[in-house]
């Protein structure tokens, strides 16, 4: 019977870091589902732009329809949940065999997280809806932390496939 090759330190790192982002996203989605109202208010205020400088040149961008605001929030929760599931699957693949499928699925999940926090929260929320102007409803620091964390894990995952050390 052939012995199993030793698990590489880089693969172990990819597994544990991917699992960390998966756990984070699962907790975020769970929190948004079980405490729906807290971040619902956050999304509503950001989209309504009601705590920004209220510059007439920007306020036309605001979305004040509660129905549209809530639809956006539910879409965010669905995206978070899907990202968590993809990352959980990627983690399972890393732990199981650490092959190209682990890298592929982890990459998909990490890109989902980076798109949500980068394009969604930093670009659209931060710039289009001028979230940076709000002292009360500004999530740019948190979004940047998650974006950078996910990016670091993505780099590690890309390096891990095929390594034997």
N, C-alpha and C. Protein backbone atom coordinates (compact mmCIF):
# COMPACT_ATOMS: atom_id res chain seq x y z
N UNK A 1 0.85 -1.18 0.00
CA UNK A 1 0.00 0.00 0.00
C UNK A 1 0.89 1.24 0.00
N UNK A 2 0.65 2.13 -0.92
CA UNK A 2 1.46 3.35 -1.03
C UNK A 2 1.11 4.31 0.10
N UNK A 3 2.14 4.96 0.60
CA UNK A 3 1.90 5.93 1.67
C UNK A 3 1.43 7.26 1.09
N UNK A 4 0.66 7.97 1.87
CA UNK A 4 0.17 9.28 1.46
C UNK A 4 1.30 10.29 1.58
N UNK A 5 1.51 11.12 0.54
CA UNK A 5 2.58 12.12 0.65
C UNK A 5 2.26 13.12 1.75
N UNK A 6 3.28 13.68 2.38
CA UNK A 6 3.04 14.65 3.46
C UNK A 6 2.33 15.90 2.92
N UNK A 7 1.41 16.40 3.72
CA UNK A 7 0.67 17.62 3.34
C UNK A 7 1.64 18.79 3.37
N UNK A 8 1.59 19.58 2.34
CA UNK A 8 2.50 20.72 2.29
C UNK A 8 2.02 21.81 3.23
N UNK A 9 2.97 22.55 3.74
CA UNK A 9 2.64 23.67 4.62
C UNK A 9 1.82 24.72 3.89
N UNK A 10 2.11 24.91 2.62
CA UNK A 10 1.37 25.91 1.84
C UNK A 10 -0.07 25.45 1.60
N UNK A 11 -0.26 24.17 1.34
CA UNK A 11 -1.63 23.64 1.19
C UNK A 11 -2.40 23.75 2.50
N UNK A 12 -1.74 23.46 3.59
CA UNK A 12 -2.38 23.60 4.90
C UNK A 12 -2.77 25.06 5.14
N UNK A 13 -1.88 25.97 4.79
CA UNK A 13 -2.17 27.39 4.93
C UNK A 13 -3.36 27.78 4.07
N UNK A 14 -3.39 27.31 2.83
CA UNK A 14 -4.52 27.60 1.93
C UNK A 14 -5.82 27.06 2.51
N UNK A 15 -5.76 25.87 3.06
CA UNK A 15 -6.95 25.25 3.65
C UNK A 15 -7.47 26.09 4.81
N UNK A 16 -6.58 26.44 5.73
CA UNK A 16 -7.00 27.15 6.93
C UNK A 16 -7.42 28.59 6.64
N UNK A 17 -6.73 29.26 5.73
CA UNK A 17 -7.12 30.63 5.39
C UNK A 17 -8.43 30.67 4.62
N UNK A 18 -8.60 29.73 3.70
CA UNK A 18 -9.88 29.65 2.98
C UNK A 18 -11.00 29.35 3.96
N UNK A 19 -10.74 28.47 4.91
CA UNK A 19 -11.74 28.17 5.94
C UNK A 19 -12.06 29.41 6.78
N UNK A 20 -11.07 30.24 7.03
CA UNK A 20 -11.29 31.47 7.81
C UNK A 20 -12.24 32.43 7.09
N UNK A 21 -12.02 32.59 5.79
CA UNK A 21 -12.91 33.48 5.02
C UNK A 21 -14.30 32.84 4.91
N UNK A 22 -14.35 31.52 4.74
CA UNK A 22 -15.64 30.83 4.69
C UNK A 22 -16.40 31.02 5.99
N UNK A 23 -15.71 30.88 7.11
CA UNK A 23 -16.35 31.09 8.41
C UNK A 23 -16.83 32.52 8.55
N UNK A 24 -15.99 33.47 8.17
CA UNK A 24 -16.38 34.88 8.25
C UNK A 24 -17.64 35.14 7.44
N UNK A 25 -17.66 34.68 6.19
CA UNK A 25 -18.82 34.93 5.33
C UNK A 25 -20.06 34.22 5.84
N UNK A 26 -19.89 33.03 6.36
CA UNK A 26 -21.04 32.31 6.93
C UNK A 26 -21.61 33.06 8.13
N UNK A 27 -20.72 33.59 8.97
CA UNK A 27 -21.18 34.36 10.14
C UNK A 27 -21.84 35.68 9.72
N UNK A 28 -21.30 36.33 8.70
CA UNK A 28 -21.90 37.56 8.20
C UNK A 28 -23.30 37.28 7.66
N UNK A 29 -23.42 36.26 6.82
CA UNK A 29 -24.72 35.91 6.26
C UNK A 29 -25.69 35.51 7.36
N UNK A 30 -25.24 34.68 8.30
CA UNK A 30 -26.08 34.26 9.41
C UNK A 30 -26.54 35.46 10.23
N UNK A 31 -25.63 36.36 10.52
CA UNK A 31 -25.99 37.56 11.28
C UNK A 31 -27.00 38.42 10.55
N UNK A 32 -26.82 38.57 9.25
CA UNK A 32 -27.75 39.39 8.47
C UNK A 32 -29.13 38.74 8.36
N UNK A 33 -29.17 37.41 8.38
CA UNK A 33 -30.45 36.71 8.33
C UNK A 33 -31.14 36.76 9.69
N UNK A 34 -30.40 36.49 10.76
CA UNK A 34 -31.02 36.41 12.08
C UNK A 34 -31.22 37.77 12.74
N UNK A 35 -30.46 38.78 12.33
CA UNK A 35 -30.62 40.15 12.83
C UNK A 35 -30.81 41.05 11.62
N UNK A 36 -31.84 40.76 10.87
CA UNK A 36 -32.09 41.39 9.58
C UNK A 36 -32.12 42.92 9.66
N UNK A 37 -32.71 43.45 10.71
CA UNK A 37 -32.95 44.89 10.80
C UNK A 37 -31.72 45.76 10.95
N UNK A 38 -30.68 45.26 11.58
CA UNK A 38 -29.51 46.10 11.84
C UNK A 38 -28.85 46.56 10.55
N UNK A 39 -28.42 45.62 9.74
CA UNK A 39 -27.76 46.01 8.49
C UNK A 39 -28.76 46.45 7.42
N UNK A 40 -30.03 46.11 7.60
CA UNK A 40 -31.06 46.66 6.71
C UNK A 40 -31.05 48.18 6.83
N UNK A 41 -30.96 48.68 8.04
CA UNK A 41 -30.90 50.13 8.24
C UNK A 41 -29.64 50.72 7.63
N UNK A 42 -28.54 50.00 7.75
CA UNK A 42 -27.29 50.45 7.15
C UNK A 42 -27.46 50.63 5.64
N UNK A 43 -27.98 49.59 4.98
CA UNK A 43 -28.17 49.63 3.53
C UNK A 43 -29.14 50.75 3.16
N UNK A 44 -30.21 50.88 3.91
CA UNK A 44 -31.19 51.94 3.62
C UNK A 44 -30.56 53.33 3.69
N UNK A 45 -29.77 53.58 4.73
CA UNK A 45 -29.16 54.90 4.88
C UNK A 45 -28.13 55.17 3.78
N UNK A 46 -27.33 54.16 3.46
CA UNK A 46 -26.32 54.35 2.40
C UNK A 46 -27.01 54.65 1.08
N UNK A 47 -28.01 53.86 0.71
CA UNK A 47 -28.68 54.06 -0.57
C UNK A 47 -29.48 55.36 -0.61
N UNK A 48 -30.06 55.74 0.52
CA UNK A 48 -30.83 57.00 0.57
C UNK A 48 -29.92 58.21 0.61
N UNK A 49 -28.66 58.00 0.97
CA UNK A 49 -27.67 59.08 1.06
C UNK A 49 -28.14 60.18 2.03
N UNK A 50 -28.87 59.78 3.05
CA UNK A 50 -29.47 60.77 3.95
C UNK A 50 -28.52 61.29 5.03
N UNK A 51 -27.32 60.72 5.10
CA UNK A 51 -26.33 61.23 6.06
C UNK A 51 -25.07 61.73 5.35
N UNK A 52 -25.20 62.01 4.05
CA UNK A 52 -24.08 62.58 3.29
C UNK A 52 -24.19 64.10 3.30
N UNK A 53 -23.33 64.75 2.55
CA UNK A 53 -23.31 66.21 2.50
C UNK A 53 -24.53 66.79 1.78
N UNK A 54 -25.32 65.93 1.16
CA UNK A 54 -26.54 66.32 0.43
C UNK A 54 -26.28 67.33 -0.69
N UNK A 55 -25.22 67.11 -1.39
CA UNK A 55 -24.87 67.93 -2.55
C UNK A 55 -25.87 67.65 -3.67
N UNK A 56 -26.49 68.69 -4.20
CA UNK A 56 -27.49 68.52 -5.26
C UNK A 56 -26.93 67.80 -6.48
N UNK A 57 -25.62 67.93 -6.71
CA UNK A 57 -25.01 67.27 -7.85
C UNK A 57 -24.89 65.75 -7.65
N UNK A 58 -25.04 65.29 -6.41
CA UNK A 58 -24.94 63.87 -6.12
C UNK A 58 -26.27 63.24 -5.71
N UNK A 59 -27.16 63.99 -5.13
CA UNK A 59 -28.35 63.42 -4.51
C UNK A 59 -29.29 62.74 -5.51
N UNK A 60 -29.15 63.04 -6.78
CA UNK A 60 -29.98 62.36 -7.77
C UNK A 60 -29.69 60.86 -7.81
N UNK A 61 -28.54 60.46 -7.26
CA UNK A 61 -28.15 59.06 -7.24
C UNK A 61 -28.88 58.27 -6.15
N UNK A 62 -29.44 58.95 -5.19
CA UNK A 62 -30.02 58.27 -4.03
C UNK A 62 -31.20 57.38 -4.42
N UNK A 63 -31.35 56.32 -3.67
CA UNK A 63 -32.49 55.41 -3.83
C UNK A 63 -33.28 55.48 -2.53
N UNK A 64 -34.46 56.01 -2.60
CA UNK A 64 -35.26 56.20 -1.38
C UNK A 64 -36.41 55.20 -1.26
N UNK A 65 -36.64 54.41 -2.27
CA UNK A 65 -37.69 53.39 -2.22
C UNK A 65 -37.27 52.28 -1.26
N UNK A 66 -38.04 52.07 -0.21
CA UNK A 66 -37.73 51.02 0.75
C UNK A 66 -37.75 49.64 0.08
N UNK A 67 -38.63 49.47 -0.90
CA UNK A 67 -38.68 48.21 -1.62
C UNK A 67 -37.40 47.92 -2.38
N UNK A 68 -36.88 48.92 -3.07
CA UNK A 68 -35.60 48.75 -3.79
C UNK A 68 -34.44 48.59 -2.81
N UNK A 69 -34.46 49.33 -1.72
CA UNK A 69 -33.41 49.21 -0.71
C UNK A 69 -33.40 47.79 -0.13
N UNK A 70 -34.58 47.29 0.21
CA UNK A 70 -34.66 45.95 0.80
C UNK A 70 -34.31 44.87 -0.21
N UNK A 71 -34.65 45.08 -1.47
CA UNK A 71 -34.27 44.14 -2.52
C UNK A 71 -32.75 44.07 -2.63
N UNK A 72 -32.10 45.23 -2.59
CA UNK A 72 -30.63 45.26 -2.63
C UNK A 72 -30.04 44.52 -1.43
N UNK A 73 -30.63 44.73 -0.25
CA UNK A 73 -30.13 44.07 0.96
C UNK A 73 -30.29 42.55 0.88
N UNK A 74 -31.44 42.09 0.41
CA UNK A 74 -31.65 40.65 0.26
C UNK A 74 -30.68 40.07 -0.76
N UNK A 75 -30.43 40.79 -1.85
CA UNK A 75 -29.46 40.34 -2.85
C UNK A 75 -28.06 40.22 -2.23
N UNK A 76 -27.69 41.15 -1.38
CA UNK A 76 -26.40 41.09 -0.68
C UNK A 76 -26.34 39.84 0.18
N UNK A 77 -27.39 39.56 0.93
CA UNK A 77 -27.42 38.38 1.81
C UNK A 77 -27.33 37.09 0.99
N UNK A 78 -28.04 37.03 -0.12
CA UNK A 78 -27.97 35.85 -0.98
C UNK A 78 -26.54 35.67 -1.50
N UNK A 79 -25.92 36.76 -1.94
CA UNK A 79 -24.53 36.70 -2.45
C UNK A 79 -23.58 36.23 -1.33
N UNK A 80 -23.74 36.78 -0.13
CA UNK A 80 -22.90 36.38 1.01
C UNK A 80 -23.05 34.89 1.28
N UNK A 81 -24.29 34.41 1.26
CA UNK A 81 -24.57 33.01 1.55
C UNK A 81 -23.94 32.11 0.48
N UNK A 82 -24.11 32.48 -0.77
CA UNK A 82 -23.51 31.69 -1.86
C UNK A 82 -21.99 31.69 -1.77
N UNK A 83 -21.40 32.85 -1.47
CA UNK A 83 -19.94 32.92 -1.32
C UNK A 83 -19.47 32.02 -0.18
N UNK A 84 -20.19 32.03 0.93
CA UNK A 84 -19.83 31.17 2.06
C UNK A 84 -19.89 29.70 1.65
N UNK A 85 -20.94 29.31 0.95
CA UNK A 85 -21.08 27.91 0.53
C UNK A 85 -19.98 27.50 -0.45
N UNK A 86 -19.66 28.36 -1.38
CA UNK A 86 -18.58 28.06 -2.33
C UNK A 86 -17.25 27.92 -1.59
N UNK A 87 -17.00 28.80 -0.62
CA UNK A 87 -15.75 28.74 0.15
C UNK A 87 -15.71 27.51 1.06
N UNK A 88 -16.84 27.13 1.61
CA UNK A 88 -16.88 25.91 2.42
C UNK A 88 -16.54 24.71 1.55
N UNK A 89 -17.09 24.67 0.35
CA UNK A 89 -16.77 23.59 -0.57
C UNK A 89 -15.28 23.63 -0.96
N UNK A 90 -14.76 24.81 -1.23
CA UNK A 90 -13.34 24.94 -1.53
C UNK A 90 -12.47 24.46 -0.38
N UNK A 91 -12.85 24.80 0.84
CA UNK A 91 -12.12 24.34 2.03
C UNK A 91 -12.14 22.82 2.11
N UNK A 92 -13.31 22.24 1.88
CA UNK A 92 -13.45 20.78 1.93
C UNK A 92 -12.53 20.14 0.89
N UNK A 93 -12.49 20.73 -0.31
CA UNK A 93 -11.61 20.19 -1.34
C UNK A 93 -10.14 20.31 -0.96
N UNK A 94 -9.75 21.45 -0.37
CA UNK A 94 -8.35 21.59 0.09
C UNK A 94 -8.04 20.52 1.14
N UNK A 95 -8.93 20.33 2.09
CA UNK A 95 -8.69 19.38 3.18
C UNK A 95 -8.68 17.94 2.65
N UNK A 96 -9.47 17.69 1.65
CA UNK A 96 -9.60 16.34 1.11
C UNK A 96 -8.41 15.94 0.27
N UNK A 97 -7.99 16.82 -0.64
CA UNK A 97 -6.90 16.42 -1.53
C UNK A 97 -6.04 17.57 -2.02
N UNK A 98 -6.44 18.80 -1.82
CA UNK A 98 -5.62 19.93 -2.21
C UNK A 98 -5.29 19.99 -3.68
N UNK A 99 -6.25 19.73 -4.54
CA UNK A 99 -5.97 19.70 -5.98
C UNK A 99 -6.46 20.95 -6.69
N UNK A 100 -6.46 20.89 -8.00
CA UNK A 100 -6.86 22.04 -8.81
C UNK A 100 -8.31 22.45 -8.55
N UNK A 101 -9.17 21.50 -8.23
CA UNK A 101 -10.56 21.84 -7.93
C UNK A 101 -10.67 22.69 -6.67
N UNK A 102 -9.83 22.41 -5.70
CA UNK A 102 -9.81 23.22 -4.48
C UNK A 102 -9.43 24.66 -4.82
N UNK A 103 -8.43 24.79 -5.62
CA UNK A 103 -7.99 26.13 -6.06
C UNK A 103 -9.08 26.83 -6.84
N UNK A 104 -9.71 26.11 -7.76
CA UNK A 104 -10.76 26.70 -8.60
C UNK A 104 -11.94 27.18 -7.74
N UNK A 105 -12.46 26.32 -6.88
CA UNK A 105 -13.62 26.69 -6.08
C UNK A 105 -13.29 27.76 -5.06
N UNK A 106 -12.11 27.69 -4.47
CA UNK A 106 -11.70 28.74 -3.53
C UNK A 106 -11.56 30.07 -4.26
N UNK A 107 -11.01 30.04 -5.46
CA UNK A 107 -10.87 31.26 -6.25
C UNK A 107 -12.24 31.86 -6.55
N UNK A 108 -13.19 31.02 -6.95
CA UNK A 108 -14.55 31.52 -7.21
C UNK A 108 -15.12 32.20 -5.96
N UNK A 109 -15.02 31.53 -4.84
CA UNK A 109 -15.58 32.08 -3.60
C UNK A 109 -14.89 33.36 -3.16
N UNK A 110 -13.56 33.37 -3.26
CA UNK A 110 -12.82 34.57 -2.86
C UNK A 110 -13.11 35.74 -3.80
N UNK A 111 -13.26 35.45 -5.08
CA UNK A 111 -13.63 36.51 -6.02
C UNK A 111 -15.03 37.04 -5.72
N UNK A 112 -15.93 36.17 -5.32
CA UNK A 112 -17.27 36.61 -4.93
C UNK A 112 -17.20 37.59 -3.76
N UNK A 113 -16.36 37.25 -2.78
CA UNK A 113 -16.19 38.13 -1.61
C UNK A 113 -15.57 39.45 -2.04
N UNK A 114 -14.53 39.37 -2.86
CA UNK A 114 -13.84 40.59 -3.29
C UNK A 114 -14.73 41.47 -4.15
N UNK A 115 -15.57 40.87 -4.98
CA UNK A 115 -16.52 41.66 -5.77
C UNK A 115 -17.54 42.35 -4.87
N UNK A 116 -18.05 41.62 -3.89
CA UNK A 116 -19.03 42.22 -2.97
C UNK A 116 -18.43 43.39 -2.22
N UNK A 117 -17.27 43.17 -1.62
CA UNK A 117 -16.68 44.21 -0.78
C UNK A 117 -15.94 45.27 -1.59
N UNK A 118 -15.35 44.88 -2.71
CA UNK A 118 -14.63 45.85 -3.55
C UNK A 118 -15.55 46.64 -4.44
N UNK A 119 -16.22 45.94 -5.35
CA UNK A 119 -17.12 46.63 -6.28
C UNK A 119 -18.39 47.11 -5.58
N UNK A 120 -18.95 46.24 -4.73
CA UNK A 120 -20.22 46.59 -4.09
C UNK A 120 -20.11 47.65 -3.02
N UNK A 121 -19.29 47.39 -2.01
CA UNK A 121 -19.25 48.30 -0.86
C UNK A 121 -18.29 49.47 -1.05
N UNK A 122 -17.08 49.18 -1.56
CA UNK A 122 -16.09 50.26 -1.70
C UNK A 122 -16.44 51.16 -2.89
N UNK A 123 -16.64 50.57 -4.07
CA UNK A 123 -16.89 51.38 -5.27
C UNK A 123 -18.31 51.94 -5.31
N UNK A 124 -19.30 51.06 -5.28
CA UNK A 124 -20.68 51.53 -5.42
C UNK A 124 -21.15 52.25 -4.15
N UNK A 125 -21.02 51.58 -3.00
CA UNK A 125 -21.45 52.22 -1.76
C UNK A 125 -20.61 53.43 -1.41
N UNK A 126 -19.30 53.26 -1.48
CA UNK A 126 -18.40 54.33 -1.06
C UNK A 126 -18.36 55.52 -1.98
N UNK A 127 -18.33 55.26 -3.28
CA UNK A 127 -18.20 56.37 -4.23
C UNK A 127 -19.53 56.78 -4.85
N UNK A 128 -20.25 55.82 -5.44
CA UNK A 128 -21.50 56.20 -6.11
C UNK A 128 -22.51 56.78 -5.13
N UNK A 129 -22.67 56.13 -3.97
CA UNK A 129 -23.62 56.60 -2.97
C UNK A 129 -22.95 57.44 -1.88
N UNK A 130 -21.71 57.83 -2.11
CA UNK A 130 -20.96 58.76 -1.25
C UNK A 130 -20.96 58.35 0.22
N UNK A 131 -20.84 57.05 0.47
CA UNK A 131 -20.80 56.56 1.85
C UNK A 131 -19.63 57.17 2.62
N UNK A 132 -18.57 57.52 1.92
CA UNK A 132 -17.39 58.10 2.58
C UNK A 132 -17.74 59.41 3.29
N UNK A 133 -18.81 60.07 2.88
CA UNK A 133 -19.21 61.34 3.49
C UNK A 133 -19.96 61.16 4.81
N UNK A 134 -20.40 59.96 5.11
CA UNK A 134 -21.23 59.73 6.29
C UNK A 134 -20.38 59.40 7.52
N UNK A 135 -20.64 60.11 8.58
CA UNK A 135 -19.98 59.80 9.85
C UNK A 135 -20.65 58.64 10.57
N UNK A 136 -21.92 58.39 10.25
CA UNK A 136 -22.70 57.36 10.95
C UNK A 136 -22.79 56.04 10.20
N UNK A 137 -22.87 56.09 8.88
CA UNK A 137 -23.12 54.89 8.08
C UNK A 137 -22.00 54.71 7.04
N UNK A 138 -20.78 54.58 7.53
CA UNK A 138 -19.62 54.46 6.67
C UNK A 138 -18.94 53.11 6.94
N UNK A 139 -19.05 52.20 5.99
CA UNK A 139 -18.46 50.88 6.17
C UNK A 139 -17.21 50.65 5.35
N UNK A 140 -16.57 51.74 4.92
CA UNK A 140 -15.41 51.58 4.04
C UNK A 140 -14.22 50.90 4.72
N UNK A 141 -13.95 51.21 5.97
CA UNK A 141 -12.82 50.57 6.65
C UNK A 141 -13.04 49.06 6.77
N UNK A 142 -14.23 48.66 7.17
CA UNK A 142 -14.54 47.23 7.29
C UNK A 142 -14.47 46.55 5.93
N UNK A 143 -15.03 47.19 4.91
CA UNK A 143 -15.01 46.60 3.57
C UNK A 143 -13.58 46.44 3.07
N UNK A 144 -12.74 47.43 3.34
CA UNK A 144 -11.34 47.36 2.91
C UNK A 144 -10.62 46.22 3.61
N UNK A 145 -10.86 46.04 4.90
CA UNK A 145 -10.23 44.93 5.63
C UNK A 145 -10.60 43.59 5.01
N UNK A 146 -11.87 43.39 4.73
CA UNK A 146 -12.31 42.11 4.17
C UNK A 146 -11.76 41.93 2.75
N UNK A 147 -11.74 42.99 1.97
CA UNK A 147 -11.20 42.93 0.62
C UNK A 147 -9.72 42.53 0.64
N UNK A 148 -8.94 43.15 1.49
CA UNK A 148 -7.50 42.84 1.59
C UNK A 148 -7.29 41.43 2.12
N UNK A 149 -8.01 41.05 3.16
CA UNK A 149 -7.90 39.70 3.73
C UNK A 149 -8.19 38.66 2.66
N UNK A 150 -9.28 38.84 1.92
CA UNK A 150 -9.64 37.89 0.87
C UNK A 150 -8.60 37.87 -0.24
N UNK A 151 -8.03 39.02 -0.55
CA UNK A 151 -6.98 39.08 -1.56
C UNK A 151 -5.73 38.33 -1.17
N UNK A 152 -5.35 38.44 0.09
CA UNK A 152 -4.19 37.70 0.59
C UNK A 152 -4.45 36.21 0.50
N UNK A 153 -5.64 35.78 0.90
CA UNK A 153 -5.98 34.36 0.83
C UNK A 153 -6.00 33.88 -0.62
N UNK A 154 -6.50 34.71 -1.51
CA UNK A 154 -6.50 34.36 -2.94
C UNK A 154 -5.07 34.13 -3.44
N UNK A 155 -4.16 34.98 -3.05
CA UNK A 155 -2.75 34.81 -3.46
C UNK A 155 -2.19 33.50 -2.92
N UNK A 156 -2.43 33.23 -1.65
CA UNK A 156 -1.94 31.99 -1.05
C UNK A 156 -2.53 30.79 -1.77
N UNK A 157 -3.83 30.83 -2.07
CA UNK A 157 -4.47 29.73 -2.77
C UNK A 157 -3.87 29.51 -4.16
N UNK A 158 -3.52 30.59 -4.83
CA UNK A 158 -2.92 30.46 -6.16
C UNK A 158 -1.52 29.86 -6.08
N UNK A 159 -0.82 30.15 -5.01
CA UNK A 159 0.53 29.61 -4.83
C UNK A 159 0.53 28.15 -4.38
N UNK A 160 -0.55 27.73 -3.71
CA UNK A 160 -0.56 26.43 -3.05
C UNK A 160 -0.69 25.25 -4.00
N UNK A 161 -1.36 25.40 -5.09
CA UNK A 161 -1.59 24.25 -5.98
C UNK A 161 -0.27 23.79 -6.58
N UNK A 162 -0.03 22.50 -6.42
CA UNK A 162 1.16 21.92 -7.01
C UNK A 162 2.39 22.00 -6.13
N UNK A 163 2.30 22.69 -5.00
CA UNK A 163 3.49 22.78 -4.13
C UNK A 163 3.58 21.52 -3.29
N UNK A 164 4.77 21.09 -3.02
CA UNK A 164 4.99 19.89 -2.21
C UNK A 164 5.82 20.16 -0.97
N UNK A 165 6.02 21.46 -0.68
CA UNK A 165 6.85 21.75 0.49
C UNK A 165 6.04 22.43 1.55
